[in-house]
């Protein structure tokens, strides 16, 4: 997964969560989990690698 694909997953989950009621943070987290769960294991691992790289870069 490249960085553009990573951000596409994030933005799609945000869009999905926007129509949900309740806590926006929880809605986003649920939408992200649902979106990733619908993919292959390899995609989830690649998403995690991108997340770890970005998270490490800001800390």
Protein backbone atom coordinates (compact mmCIF):
# COMPACT_ATOMS: atom_id res chain seq x y z
CA UNK A 1 0.00 0.00 0.00
CA UNK A 2 1.40 3.36 -0.93
CA UNK A 3 0.79 6.57 0.97
CA UNK A 4 -2.01 7.68 -1.36
CA UNK A 5 -3.86 4.40 -0.81
CA UNK A 6 -3.39 4.81 2.93
CA UNK A 7 -4.99 8.26 2.89
CA UNK A 8 -7.78 7.02 0.64
CA UNK A 9 -8.69 4.43 3.27
CA UNK A 10 -8.69 7.16 5.94
CA UNK A 11 -10.81 9.56 3.89
CA UNK A 12 -13.28 6.85 2.92
CA UNK A 13 -13.70 5.85 6.56
CA UNK A 14 -14.25 9.52 7.48
CA UNK A 15 -16.92 9.80 4.81
CA UNK A 16 -18.60 6.62 6.03
CA UNK A 17 -18.48 7.87 9.64
CA UNK A 18 -19.94 11.29 8.79
CA UNK A 19 -23.42 9.83 8.37
CA UNK A 20 -23.29 7.86 11.64
CA UNK A 21 -24.86 9.08 14.84
CA UNK A 22 -23.10 9.18 18.19
CA UNK A 23 -19.48 9.82 19.03
CA UNK A 24 -17.59 10.89 15.87
CA UNK A 25 -14.34 9.28 17.04
CA UNK A 26 -16.04 5.95 17.65
CA UNK A 27 -17.90 6.18 14.34
CA UNK A 28 -14.61 6.77 12.51
CA UNK A 29 -12.88 3.91 14.31
CA UNK A 30 -15.75 1.55 13.51
CA UNK A 31 -15.84 2.63 9.86
CA UNK A 32 -12.08 2.12 9.56
CA UNK A 33 -12.25 -1.34 11.11
CA UNK A 34 -15.14 -2.33 8.84
CA UNK A 35 -13.33 -1.06 5.76
CA UNK A 36 -10.08 -2.87 6.62
CA UNK A 37 -11.89 -6.05 7.65
CA UNK A 38 -13.40 -6.22 4.17
CA UNK A 39 -9.92 -6.42 2.60
CA UNK A 40 -7.16 -9.02 2.46
CA UNK A 41 -4.85 -9.71 5.38
CA UNK A 42 -1.95 -8.33 3.33
CA UNK A 43 -3.78 -5.02 2.87
CA UNK A 44 -4.29 -4.73 6.63
CA UNK A 45 -0.60 -5.39 7.24
CA UNK A 46 0.40 -2.83 4.63
CA UNK A 47 -1.98 -0.29 6.18
CA UNK A 48 -0.34 -0.91 9.57
CA UNK A 49 3.13 -0.44 8.08
CA UNK A 50 2.12 2.94 6.62
CA UNK A 51 0.52 3.95 9.91
CA UNK A 52 3.64 2.97 11.86
CA UNK A 53 5.91 4.88 9.47
CA UNK A 54 3.82 8.05 9.71
CA UNK A 55 3.37 7.76 13.44
CA UNK A 56 7.11 7.26 13.91
CA UNK A 57 7.86 10.27 11.74
CA UNK A 58 5.86 12.62 13.95
CA UNK A 59 7.33 11.37 17.23
